[in-house]
Amino acid sequence: LLSMTAAIQLPWPNVMFYSLDATLGEVAVVSDEVLAQRLQQKHALVVGGTDGIGKGTALALARGGASVTIVGHSPSKVSSTLKDLASVARRPSEQQFEAYSADLLT
């Protein structure tokens, strides 16, 4: 369970991080530039990355400068999201984007 002490209110309504969790360590709000430095030369795998929260996460990682691989059920959504990732990339010449269509329920 997450510790509920030392909550940090973020600039988004109803969003809070609990910063002093023993497992997570200290969580801090950082600028876009700091986040981009942290994500440079990193690669993220987002399963369910073609819709909803997964797609939002994949796009945020791409905007931040990470290379991203997504896995989704629908081939058309996979193709569309791959184009979206390339269009928001912070460092297009350095980032790589891959996408796979797979049914993980079987």
PDB file of N, CA and C in Angstrom:
ATOM      1  N   LEU A   1       0.827  -1.202   0.000  1.00  0.00           N
ATOM      2  CA  LEU A   1       0.000   0.000   0.000  1.00  0.00           C
ATOM      3  C   LEU A   1       0.860   1.250   0.000  1.00  0.00           C
ATOM      4  N   LEU A   2       0.373   2.275  -0.652  1.00  0.00           N
ATOM      5  CA  LEU A   2       1.088   3.547  -0.677  1.00  0.00           C
ATOM      6  C   LEU A   2       0.878   4.296   0.624  1.00  0.00           C
ATOM      7  N   SER A   3       1.906   4.926   1.080  1.00  0.00           N
ATOM      8  CA  SER A   3       1.816   5.786   2.247  1.00  0.00           C
ATOM      9  C   SER A   3       1.023   7.028   1.873  1.00  0.00           C
ATOM     10  N   MET A   4       0.155   7.468   2.717  1.00  0.00           N
ATOM     11  CA  MET A   4      -0.681   8.620   2.414  1.00  0.00           C
ATOM     12  C   MET A   4      -0.147   9.886   3.089  1.00  0.00           C
ATOM     13  N   THR A   5       1.128   9.913   3.442  1.00  0.00           N
ATOM     14  CA  THR A   5       1.693  11.104   4.057  1.00  0.00           C
ATOM     15  C   THR A   5       2.371  11.966   3.008  1.00  0.00           C
ATOM     16  N   ALA A   6       2.463  13.227   3.294  1.00  0.00           N
ATOM     17  CA  ALA A   6       3.184  14.183   2.448  1.00  0.00           C
ATOM     18  C   ALA A   6       2.674  14.220   1.019  1.00  0.00           C
ATOM     19  N   ALA A   7       1.385  14.428   0.840  1.00  0.00           N
ATOM     20  CA  ALA A   7       0.807  14.517  -0.507  1.00  0.00           C
ATOM     21  C   ALA A   7       1.220  15.809  -1.185  1.00  0.00           C
ATOM     22  N   ILE A   8       1.430  15.741  -2.485  1.00  0.00           N
ATOM     23  CA  ILE A   8       1.773  16.911  -3.287  1.00  0.00           C
ATOM     24  C   ILE A   8       0.607  17.200  -4.214  1.00  0.00           C
ATOM     25  N   GLN A   9       0.071  18.406  -4.146  1.00  0.00           N
ATOM     26  CA  GLN A   9      -1.009  18.810  -5.051  1.00  0.00           C
ATOM     27  C   GLN A   9      -0.383  19.296  -6.352  1.00  0.00           C
ATOM     28  N   LEU A  10      -0.789  18.712  -7.460  1.00  0.00           N
ATOM     29  CA  LEU A  10      -0.274  19.093  -8.770  1.00  0.00           C
ATOM     30  C   LEU A  10      -1.208  20.096  -9.420  1.00  0.00           C
ATOM     31  N   PRO A  11      -0.779  20.703 -10.532  1.00  0.00           N
ATOM     32  CA  PRO A  11      -1.606  21.734 -11.158  1.00  0.00           C
ATOM     33  C   PRO A  11      -2.864  21.202 -11.844  1.00  0.00           C
ATOM     34  N   TRP A  12      -3.099  19.900 -11.810  1.00  0.00           N
ATOM     35  CA  TRP A  12      -4.295  19.331 -12.415  1.00  0.00           C
ATOM     36  C   TRP A  12      -5.303  19.030 -11.316  1.00  0.00           C
ATOM     37  N   PRO A  13      -6.573  19.296 -11.548  1.00  0.00           N
ATOM     38  CA  PRO A  13      -7.577  19.049 -10.517  1.00  0.00           C
ATOM     39  C   PRO A  13      -7.618  17.575 -10.111  1.00  0.00           C
ATOM     40  N   ASN A  14      -7.737  17.333  -8.850  1.00  0.00           N
ATOM     41  CA  ASN A  14      -7.918  16.004  -8.274  1.00  0.00           C
ATOM     42  C   ASN A  14      -6.752  15.054  -8.526  1.00  0.00           C
ATOM     43  N   VAL A  15      -5.552  15.559  -8.783  1.00  0.00           N
ATOM     44  CA  VAL A  15      -4.387  14.714  -8.985  1.00  0.00           C
ATOM     45  C   VAL A  15      -3.389  14.998  -7.877  1.00  0.00           C
ATOM     46  N   MET A  16      -2.979  13.945  -7.186  1.00  0.00           N
ATOM     47  CA  MET A  16      -2.012  14.112  -6.104  1.00  0.00           C
ATOM     48  C   MET A  16      -0.991  12.985  -6.169  1.00  0.00           C
ATOM     49  N   PHE A  17       0.246  13.283  -5.798  1.00  0.00           N
ATOM     50  CA  PHE A  17       1.267  12.274  -5.634  1.00  0.00           C
ATOM     51  C   PHE A  17       1.599  12.205  -4.151  1.00  0.00           C
ATOM     52  N   TYR A  18       1.813  11.012  -3.642  1.00  0.00           N
ATOM     53  CA  TYR A  18       2.223  10.818  -2.272  1.00  0.00           C
ATOM     54  C   TYR A  18       3.718  10.540  -2.284  1.00  0.00           C
ATOM     55  N   SER A  19       4.494  11.541  -1.887  1.00  0.00           N
ATOM     56  CA  SER A  19       5.912  11.584  -2.213  1.00  0.00           C
ATOM     57  C   SER A  19       6.831  10.773  -1.314  1.00  0.00           C
ATOM     58  N   LEU A  20       6.435  10.387  -0.161  1.00  0.00           N
ATOM     59  CA  LEU A  20       7.369   9.735   0.744  1.00  0.00           C
ATOM     60  C   LEU A  20       7.057   8.253   0.922  1.00  0.00           C
ATOM     61  N   ASP A  21       6.652   7.594  -0.122  1.00  0.00           N
ATOM     62  CA  ASP A  21       6.368   6.170  -0.081  1.00  0.00           C
ATOM     63  C   ASP A  21       7.674   5.391   0.015  1.00  0.00           C
ATOM     64  N   ALA A  22       7.723   4.395   0.868  1.00  0.00           N
ATOM     65  CA  ALA A  22       8.952   3.615   1.068  1.00  0.00           C
ATOM     66  C   ALA A  22       9.370   2.885  -0.203  1.00  0.00           C
ATOM     67  N   THR A  23       8.418   2.462  -1.020  1.00  0.00           N
ATOM     68  CA  THR A  23       8.733   1.733  -2.248  1.00  0.00           C
ATOM     69  C   THR A  23       9.137   2.677  -3.370  1.00  0.00           C
ATOM     70  N   LEU A  24       8.401   3.763  -3.543  1.00  0.00           N
ATOM     71  CA  LEU A  24       8.630   4.674  -4.656  1.00  0.00           C
ATOM     72  C   LEU A  24       9.727   5.685  -4.396  1.00  0.00           C
ATOM     73  N   GLY A  25       9.974   5.987  -3.165  1.00  0.00           N
ATOM     74  CA  GLY A  25      10.928   7.043  -2.860  1.00  0.00           C
ATOM     75  C   GLY A  25      10.265   8.398  -2.993  1.00  0.00           C
ATOM     76  N   GLU A  26      11.052   9.405  -3.211  1.00  0.00           N
ATOM     77  CA  GLU A  26      10.521  10.755  -3.293  1.00  0.00           C
ATOM     78  C   GLU A  26      10.113  11.086  -4.721  1.00  0.00           C
ATOM     79  N   VAL A  27       8.907  11.588  -4.891  1.00  0.00           N
ATOM     80  CA  VAL A  27       8.378  11.967  -6.201  1.00  0.00           C
ATOM     81  C   VAL A  27       8.367  13.490  -6.249  1.00  0.00           C
ATOM     82  N   ALA A  28       8.919  14.053  -7.307  1.00  0.00           N
ATOM     83  CA  ALA A  28       8.971  15.504  -7.427  1.00  0.00           C
ATOM     84  C   ALA A  28       8.389  15.943  -8.762  1.00  0.00           C
ATOM     85  N   VAL A  29       7.765  17.099  -8.760  1.00  0.00           N
ATOM     86  CA  VAL A  29       7.295  17.709  -9.998  1.00  0.00           C
ATOM     87  C   VAL A  29       8.510  18.341 -10.668  1.00  0.00           C
ATOM     88  N   VAL A  30       8.728  18.023 -11.945  1.00  0.00           N
ATOM     89  CA  VAL A  30       9.891  18.552 -12.658  1.00  0.00           C
ATOM     90  C   VAL A  30       9.447  19.258 -13.935  1.00  0.00           C
ATOM     91  N   SER A  31      10.314  20.104 -14.461  1.00  0.00           N
ATOM     92  CA  SER A  31      10.009  20.837 -15.693  1.00  0.00           C
ATOM     93  C   SER A  31      10.086  19.902 -16.897  1.00  0.00           C
ATOM     94  N   ASP A  32       9.560  20.359 -18.020  1.00  0.00           N
ATOM     95  CA  ASP A  32       9.625  19.586 -19.260  1.00  0.00           C
ATOM     96  C   ASP A  32      11.076  19.319 -19.659  1.00  0.00           C
ATOM     97  N   GLU A  33      11.941  20.294 -19.426  1.00  0.00           N
ATOM     98  CA  GLU A  33      13.349  20.138 -19.797  1.00  0.00           C
ATOM     99  C   GLU A  33      14.025  19.048 -18.968  1.00  0.00           C
ATOM    100  N   VAL A  34      13.755  19.028 -17.666  1.00  0.00           N
ATOM    101  CA  VAL A  34      14.335  17.999 -16.790  1.00  0.00           C
ATOM    102  C   VAL A  34      13.796  16.631 -17.177  1.00  0.00           C
ATOM    103  N   LEU A  35      12.506  16.555 -17.442  1.00  0.00           N
ATOM    104  CA  LEU A  35      11.912  15.288 -17.857  1.00  0.00           C
ATOM    105  C   LEU A  35      12.535  14.810 -19.164  1.00  0.00           C
ATOM    106  N   ALA A  36      12.749  15.722 -20.108  1.00  0.00           N
ATOM    107  CA  ALA A  36      13.367  15.355 -21.386  1.00  0.00           C
ATOM    108  C   ALA A  36      14.779  14.818 -21.182  1.00  0.00           C
ATOM    109  N   GLN A  37      15.526  15.402 -20.268  1.00  0.00           N
ATOM    110  CA  GLN A  37      16.871  14.897 -19.968  1.00  0.00           C
ATOM    111  C   GLN A  37      16.797  13.483 -19.387  1.00  0.00           C
ATOM    112  N   ARG A  38      15.830  13.252 -18.521  1.00  0.00           N
ATOM    113  CA  ARG A  38      15.696  11.937 -17.888  1.00  0.00           C
ATOM    114  C   ARG A  38      15.242  10.864 -18.870  1.00  0.00           C
ATOM    115  N   LEU A  39      14.447  11.261 -19.875  1.00  0.00           N
ATOM    116  CA  LEU A  39      13.922  10.287 -20.829  1.00  0.00           C
ATOM    117  C   LEU A  39      14.814  10.087 -22.050  1.00  0.00           C
ATOM    118  N   GLN A  40      15.808  10.944 -22.233  1.00  0.00           N
ATOM    119  CA  GLN A  40      16.695  10.817 -23.387  1.00  0.00           C
ATOM    120  C   GLN A  40      17.391   9.460 -23.351  1.00  0.00           C
ATOM    121  N   GLN A  41      17.410   8.788 -24.498  1.00  0.00           N
ATOM    122  CA  GLN A  41      18.009   7.463 -24.679  1.00  0.00           C
ATOM    123  C   GLN A  41      17.327   6.377 -23.841  1.00  0.00           C
ATOM    124  N   LYS A  42      16.069   6.607 -23.463  1.00  0.00           N
ATOM    125  CA  LYS A  42      15.278   5.592 -22.764  1.00  0.00           C
ATOM    126  C   LYS A  42      14.260   5.027 -23.749  1.00  0.00           C
ATOM    127  N   HIS A  43      13.853   3.780 -23.501  1.00  0.00           N
ATOM    128  CA  HIS A  43      12.842   3.137 -24.343  1.00  0.00           C
ATOM    129  C   HIS A  43      11.749   2.592 -23.434  1.00  0.00           C
ATOM    130  N   ALA A  44      10.504   2.907 -23.760  1.00  0.00           N
ATOM    131  CA  ALA A  44       9.361   2.474 -22.951  1.00  0.00           C
ATOM    132  C   ALA A  44       8.479   1.530 -23.755  1.00  0.00           C
ATOM    133  N   LEU A  45       7.942   0.526 -23.091  1.00  0.00           N
ATOM    134  CA  LEU A  45       6.957  -0.385 -23.663  1.00  0.00           C
ATOM    135  C   LEU A  45       5.619  -0.068 -23.021  1.00  0.00           C
ATOM    136  N   VAL A  46       4.610   0.244 -23.852  1.00  0.00           N
ATOM    137  CA  VAL A  46       3.274   0.550 -23.345  1.00  0.00           C
ATOM    138  C   VAL A  46       2.305  -0.470 -23.933  1.00  0.00           C
ATOM    139  N   VAL A  47       1.861  -1.394 -23.102  1.00  0.00           N
ATOM    140  CA  VAL A  47       0.865  -2.380 -23.519  1.00  0.00           C
ATOM    141  C   VAL A  47      -0.501  -1.722 -23.352  1.00  0.00           C
ATOM    142  N   GLY A  48      -1.308  -1.766 -24.392  1.00  0.00           N
ATOM    143  CA  GLY A  48      -2.578  -1.042 -24.383  1.00  0.00           C
ATOM    144  C   GLY A  48      -2.359   0.410 -24.782  1.00  0.00           C
ATOM    145  N   GLY A  49      -1.327   0.651 -25.581  1.00  0.00           N
ATOM    146  CA  GLY A  49      -0.930   2.004 -25.924  1.00  0.00           C
ATOM    147  C   GLY A  49      -1.643   2.624 -27.094  1.00  0.00           C
ATOM    148  N   THR A  50      -2.757   2.059 -27.534  1.00  0.00           N
ATOM    149  CA  THR A  50      -3.462   2.617 -28.690  1.00  0.00           C
ATOM    150  C   THR A  50      -4.759   3.330 -28.327  1.00  0.00           C
ATOM    151  N   ASP A  51      -5.083   3.385 -27.051  1.00  0.00           N
ATOM    152  CA  ASP A  51      -6.353   3.966 -26.652  1.00  0.00           C
ATOM    153  C   ASP A  51      -6.284   4.403 -25.190  1.00  0.00           C
ATOM    154  N   GLY A  52      -7.057   5.396 -24.845  1.00  0.00           N
ATOM    155  CA  GLY A  52      -7.226   5.796 -23.456  1.00  0.00           C
ATOM    156  C   GLY A  52      -5.944   6.199 -22.742  1.00  0.00           C
ATOM    157  N   ILE A  53      -5.826   5.755 -21.493  1.00  0.00           N
ATOM    158  CA  ILE A  53      -4.678   6.101 -20.660  1.00  0.00           C
ATOM    159  C   ILE A  53      -3.380   5.602 -21.272  1.00  0.00           C
ATOM    160  N   GLY A  54      -3.401   4.412 -21.858  1.00  0.00           N
ATOM    161  CA  GLY A  54      -2.196   3.873 -22.481  1.00  0.00           C
ATOM    162  C   GLY A  54      -1.708   4.743 -23.624  1.00  0.00           C
ATOM    163  N   LYS A  55      -2.622   5.213 -24.464  1.00  0.00           N
ATOM    164  CA  LYS A  55      -2.229   6.079 -25.575  1.00  0.00           C
ATOM    165  C   LYS A  55      -1.706   7.409 -25.039  1.00  0.00           C
ATOM    166  N   GLY A  56      -2.381   7.946 -24.039  1.00  0.00           N
ATOM    167  CA  GLY A  56      -1.923   9.194 -23.434  1.00  0.00           C
ATOM    168  C   GLY A  56      -0.529   9.060 -22.845  1.00  0.00           C
ATOM    169  N   THR A  57      -0.266   7.925 -22.214  1.00  0.00           N
ATOM    170  CA  THR A  57       1.056   7.666 -21.644  1.00  0.00           C
ATOM    171  C   THR A  57       2.108   7.575 -22.737  1.00  0.00           C
ATOM    172  N   ALA A  58       1.802   6.836 -23.808  1.00  0.00           N
ATOM    173  CA  ALA A  58       2.738   6.680 -24.923  1.00  0.00           C
ATOM    174  C   ALA A  58       3.053   8.034 -25.558  1.00  0.00           C
ATOM    175  N   LEU A  59       2.042   8.857 -25.764  1.00  0.00           N
ATOM    176  CA  LEU A  59       2.249  10.177 -26.361  1.00  0.00           C
ATOM    177  C   LEU A  59       3.075  11.082 -25.439  1.00  0.00           C
ATOM    178  N   ALA A  60       2.800  11.022 -24.132  1.00  0.00           N
ATOM    179  CA  ALA A  60       3.565  11.833 -23.180  1.00  0.00           C
ATOM    180  C   ALA A  60       5.036  11.414 -23.162  1.00  0.00           C
ATOM    181  N   LEU A  61       5.290  10.121 -23.236  1.00  0.00           N
ATOM    182  CA  LEU A  61       6.668   9.632 -23.276  1.00  0.00           C
ATOM    183  C   LEU A  61       7.376  10.103 -24.546  1.00  0.00           C
ATOM    184  N   ALA A  62       6.663  10.059 -25.681  1.00  0.00           N
ATOM    185  CA  ALA A  62       7.243  10.521 -26.943  1.00  0.00           C
ATOM    186  C   ALA A  62       7.533  12.019 -26.894  1.00  0.00           C
ATOM    187  N   ARG A  63       6.600  12.796 -26.355  1.00  0.00           N
ATOM    188  CA  ARG A  63       6.811  14.235 -26.204  1.00  0.00           C
ATOM    189  C   ARG A  63       8.001  14.522 -25.290  1.00  0.00           C
ATOM    190  N   GLY A  64       8.192  13.645 -24.320  1.00  0.00           N
ATOM    191  CA  GLY A  64       9.288  13.809 -23.383  1.00  0.00           C
ATOM    192  C   GLY A  64      10.640  13.403 -23.931  1.00  0.00           C
ATOM    193  N   GLY A  65      10.665  12.693 -25.051  1.00  0.00           N
ATOM    194  CA  GLY A  65      11.933  12.328 -25.666  1.00  0.00           C
ATOM    195  C   GLY A  65      12.293  10.866 -25.633  1.00  0.00           C
ATOM    196  N   ALA A  66      11.437  10.023 -25.077  1.00  0.00           N
ATOM    197  CA  ALA A  66      11.718   8.588 -25.031  1.00  0.00           C
ATOM    198  C   ALA A  66      11.333   7.915 -26.345  1.00  0.00           C
ATOM    199  N   SER A  67      12.020   6.845 -26.665  1.00  0.00           N
ATOM    200  CA  SER A  67      11.565   5.962 -27.735  1.00  0.00           C
ATOM    201  C   SER A  67      10.443   5.120 -27.147  1.00  0.00           C
ATOM    202  N   VAL A  68       9.459   4.752 -27.964  1.00  0.00           N
ATOM    203  CA  VAL A  68       8.280   4.074 -27.425  1.00  0.00           C
ATOM    204  C   VAL A  68       7.891   2.900 -28.320  1.00  0.00           C
ATOM    205  N   THR A  69       7.585   1.780 -27.688  1.00  0.00           N
ATOM    206  CA  THR A  69       6.988   0.627 -28.365  1.00  0.00           C
ATOM    207  C   THR A  69       5.598   0.445 -27.775  1.00  0.00           C
ATOM    208  N   ILE A  70       4.602   0.344 -28.646  1.00  0.00           N
ATOM    209  CA  ILE A  70       3.234   0.133 -28.178  1.00  0.00           C
ATOM    210  C   ILE A  70       2.727  -1.229 -28.647  1.00  0.00           C
ATOM    211  N   VAL A  71       1.822  -1.787 -27.866  1.00  0.00           N
ATOM    212  CA  VAL A  71       1.128  -3.015 -28.227  1.00  0.00           C
ATOM    213  C   VAL A  71      -0.354  -2.735 -28.077  1.00  0.00           C
ATOM    214  N   GLY A  72      -1.119  -3.058 -29.118  1.00  0.00           N
ATOM    215  CA  GLY A  72      -2.553  -2.846 -29.072  1.00  0.00           C
ATOM    216  C   GLY A  72      -3.278  -3.929 -29.840  1.00  0.00           C
ATOM    217  N   HIS A  73      -4.558  -4.043 -29.616  1.00  0.00           N
ATOM    218  CA  HIS A  73      -5.361  -5.107 -30.241  1.00  0.00           C
ATOM    219  C   HIS A  73      -5.710  -4.799 -31.695  1.00  0.00           C
ATOM    220  N   SER A  74      -6.031  -3.551 -31.985  1.00  0.00           N
ATOM    221  CA  SER A  74      -6.525  -3.173 -33.310  1.00  0.00           C
ATOM    222  C   SER A  74      -5.387  -2.735 -34.234  1.00  0.00           C
ATOM    223  N   PRO A  75      -5.213  -3.421 -35.374  1.00  0.00           N
ATOM    224  CA  PRO A  75      -4.166  -3.016 -36.317  1.00  0.00           C
ATOM    225  C   PRO A  75      -4.320  -1.577 -36.806  1.00  0.00           C
ATOM    226  N   SER A  76      -5.547  -1.111 -37.000  1.00  0.00           N
ATOM    227  CA  SER A  76      -5.736   0.261 -37.484  1.00  0.00           C
ATOM    228  C   SER A  76      -5.365   1.277 -36.410  1.00  0.00           C
ATOM    229  N   LYS A  77      -5.705   0.997 -35.142  1.00  0.00           N
ATOM    230  CA  LYS A  77      -5.327   1.907 -34.054  1.00  0.00           C
ATOM    231  C   LYS A  77      -3.818   1.902 -33.842  1.00  0.00           C
ATOM    232  N   VAL A  78      -3.199   0.740 -34.013  1.00  0.00           N
ATOM    233  CA  VAL A  78      -1.739   0.642 -33.883  1.00  0.00           C
ATOM    234  C   VAL A  78      -1.072   1.538 -34.923  1.00  0.00           C
ATOM    235  N   SER A  79      -1.533   1.444 -36.152  1.00  0.00           N
ATOM    236  CA  SER A  79      -0.973   2.241 -37.243  1.00  0.00           C
ATOM    237  C   SER A  79      -1.178   3.733 -36.999  1.00  0.00           C
ATOM    238  N   SER A  80      -2.371   4.109 -36.591  1.00  0.00           N
ATOM    239  CA  SER A  80      -2.697   5.510 -36.340  1.00  0.00           C
ATOM    240  C   SER A  80      -1.865   6.071 -35.184  1.00  0.00           C
ATOM    241  N   THR A  81      -1.735   5.302 -34.108  1.00  0.00           N
ATOM    242  CA  THR A  81      -0.983   5.764 -32.939  1.00  0.00           C
ATOM    243  C   THR A  81       0.498   5.893 -33.258  1.00  0.00           C
ATOM    244  N   LEU A  82       1.014   5.005 -34.083  1.00  0.00           N
ATOM    245  CA  LEU A  82       2.415   5.083 -34.486  1.00  0.00           C
ATOM    246  C   LEU A  82       2.691   6.414 -35.194  1.00  0.00           C
ATOM    247  N   LYS A  83       1.771   6.842 -36.062  1.00  0.00           N
ATOM    248  CA  LYS A  83       1.909   8.134 -36.738  1.00  0.00           C
ATOM    249  C   LYS A  83       1.828   9.285 -35.730  1.00  0.00           C
ATOM    250  N   ASP A  84       0.920   9.159 -34.753  1.00  0.00           N
ATOM    251  CA  ASP A  84       0.783  10.195 -33.729  1.00  0.00           C
ATOM    252  C   ASP A  84       2.065  10.332 -32.909  1.00  0.00           C
ATOM    253  N   LEU A  85       2.690   9.206 -32.570  1.00  0.00           N
ATOM    254  CA  LEU A  85       3.931   9.242 -31.798  1.00  0.00           C
ATOM    255  C   LEU A  85       5.022   9.990 -32.564  1.00  0.00           C
ATOM    256  N   ALA A  86       5.145   9.673 -33.844  1.00  0.00           N
ATOM    257  CA  ALA A  86       6.165  10.327 -34.669  1.00  0.00           C
ATOM    258  C   ALA A  86       5.904  11.829 -34.777  1.00  0.00           C
ATOM    259  N   SER A  87       4.638  12.221 -34.803  1.00  0.00           N
ATOM    260  CA  SER A  87       4.313  13.643 -34.981  1.00  0.00           C
ATOM    261  C   SER A  87       4.573  14.473 -33.723  1.00  0.00           C
ATOM    262  N   VAL A  88       4.615  13.853 -32.540  1.00  0.00           N
ATOM    263  CA  VAL A  88       4.830  14.623 -31.309  1.00  0.00           C
ATOM    264  C   VAL A  88       6.238  14.433 -30.739  1.00  0.00           C
ATOM    265  N   ALA A  89       7.085  13.698 -31.423  1.00  0.00           N
ATOM    266  CA  ALA A  89       8.422  13.377 -30.900  1.00  0.00           C
ATOM    267  C   ALA A  89       9.225  14.633 -30.596  1.00  0.00           C
ATOM    268  N   ARG A  90       9.871  14.644 -29.454  1.00  0.00           N
ATOM    269  CA  ARG A  90      10.727  15.762 -29.061  1.00  0.00           C
ATOM    270  C   ARG A  90      12.015  15.767 -29.873  1.00  0.00           C
ATOM    271  N   ARG A  91      12.591  14.576 -30.113  1.00  0.00           N
ATOM    272  CA  ARG A  91      13.850  14.427 -30.866  1.00  0.00           C
ATOM    273  C   ARG A  91      13.640  13.382 -31.969  1.00  0.00           C
ATOM    274  N   PRO A  92      12.938  13.747 -33.044  1.00  0.00           N
ATOM    275  CA  PRO A  92      12.573  12.769 -34.076  1.00  0.00           C
ATOM    276  C   PRO A  92      13.750  11.993 -34.658  1.00  0.00           C
ATOM    277  N   SER A  93      14.900  12.628 -34.773  1.00  0.00           N
ATOM    278  CA  SER A  93      16.043  11.929 -35.370  1.00  0.00           C
ATOM    279  C   SER A  93      16.669  10.918 -34.415  1.00  0.00           C
ATOM    280  N   GLU A  94      16.396  11.039 -33.111  1.00  0.00           N
ATOM    281  CA  GLU A  94      16.978  10.141 -32.120  1.00  0.00           C
ATOM    282  C   GLU A  94      16.002   9.080 -31.614  1.00  0.00           C
ATOM    283  N   GLN A  95      14.723   9.377 -31.677  1.00  0.00           N
ATOM    284  CA  GLN A  95      13.725   8.465 -31.116  1.00  0.00           C
ATOM    285  C   GLN A  95      13.307   7.407 -32.130  1.00  0.00           C
ATOM    286  N   GLN A  96      12.956   6.237 -31.614  1.00  0.00           N
ATOM    287  CA  GLN A  96      12.431   5.156 -32.438  1.00  0.00           C
ATOM    288  C   GLN A  96      11.052   4.776 -31.910  1.00  0.00           C
ATOM    289  N   PHE A  97      10.146   4.496 -32.842  1.00  0.00           N
ATOM    290  CA  PHE A  97       8.801   4.100 -32.458  1.00  0.00           C
ATOM    291  C   PHE A  97       8.463   2.792 -33.151  1.00  0.00           C
ATOM    292  N   GLU A  98       7.960   1.849 -32.364  1.00  0.00           N
ATOM    293  CA  GLU A  98       7.559   0.548 -32.901  1.00  0.00           C
ATOM    294  C   GLU A  98       6.151   0.261 -32.389  1.00  0.00           C
ATOM    295  N   ALA A  99       5.430  -0.537 -33.153  1.00  0.00           N
ATOM    296  CA  ALA A  99       4.072  -0.888 -32.773  1.00  0.00           C
ATOM    297  C   ALA A  99       3.766  -2.319 -33.185  1.00  0.00           C
ATOM    298  N   TYR A 100       3.043  -3.010 -32.314  1.00  0.00           N
ATOM    299  CA  TYR A 100       2.668  -4.397 -32.571  1.00  0.00           C
ATOM    300  C   TYR A 100       1.183  -4.550 -32.287  1.00  0.00           C
ATOM    301  N   SER A 101       0.526  -5.281 -33.154  1.00  0.00           N
ATOM    302  CA  SER A 101      -0.871  -5.623 -32.954  1.00  0.00           C
ATOM    303  C   SER A 101      -0.919  -7.052 -32.427  1.00  0.00           C
ATOM    304  N   ALA A 102      -1.505  -7.233 -31.260  1.00  0.00           N
ATOM    305  CA  ALA A 102      -1.559  -8.562 -30.658  1.00  0.00           C
ATOM    306  C   ALA A 102      -2.782  -8.682 -29.777  1.00  0.00           C
ATOM    307  N   ASP A 103      -3.368  -9.867 -29.766  1.00  0.00           N
ATOM    308  CA  ASP A 103      -4.478 -10.170 -28.876  1.00  0.00           C
ATOM    309  C   ASP A 103      -3.894 -10.876 -27.661  1.00  0.00           C
ATOM    310  N   LEU A 104      -3.775 -10.149 -26.566  1.00  0.00           N
ATOM    311  CA  LEU A 104      -3.145 -10.698 -25.360  1.00  0.00           C
ATOM    312  C   LEU A 104      -4.141 -11.447 -24.470  1.00  0.00           C
ATOM    313  N   LEU A 105      -5.382 -11.541 -24.908  1.00  0.00           N
ATOM    314  CA  LEU A 105      -6.391 -12.232 -24.099  1.00  0.00           C
ATOM    315  C   LEU A 105      -6.411 -13.742 -24.360  1.00  0.00           C
ATOM    316  N   THR A 106      -5.760 -14.181 -25.420  1.00  0.00           N
ATOM    317  CA  THR A 106      -5.803 -15.622 -25.713  1.00  0.00           C
ATOM    318  C   THR A 106      -4.525 -16.316 -25.328  1.00  0.00           C
TER     319      THR A 106
END
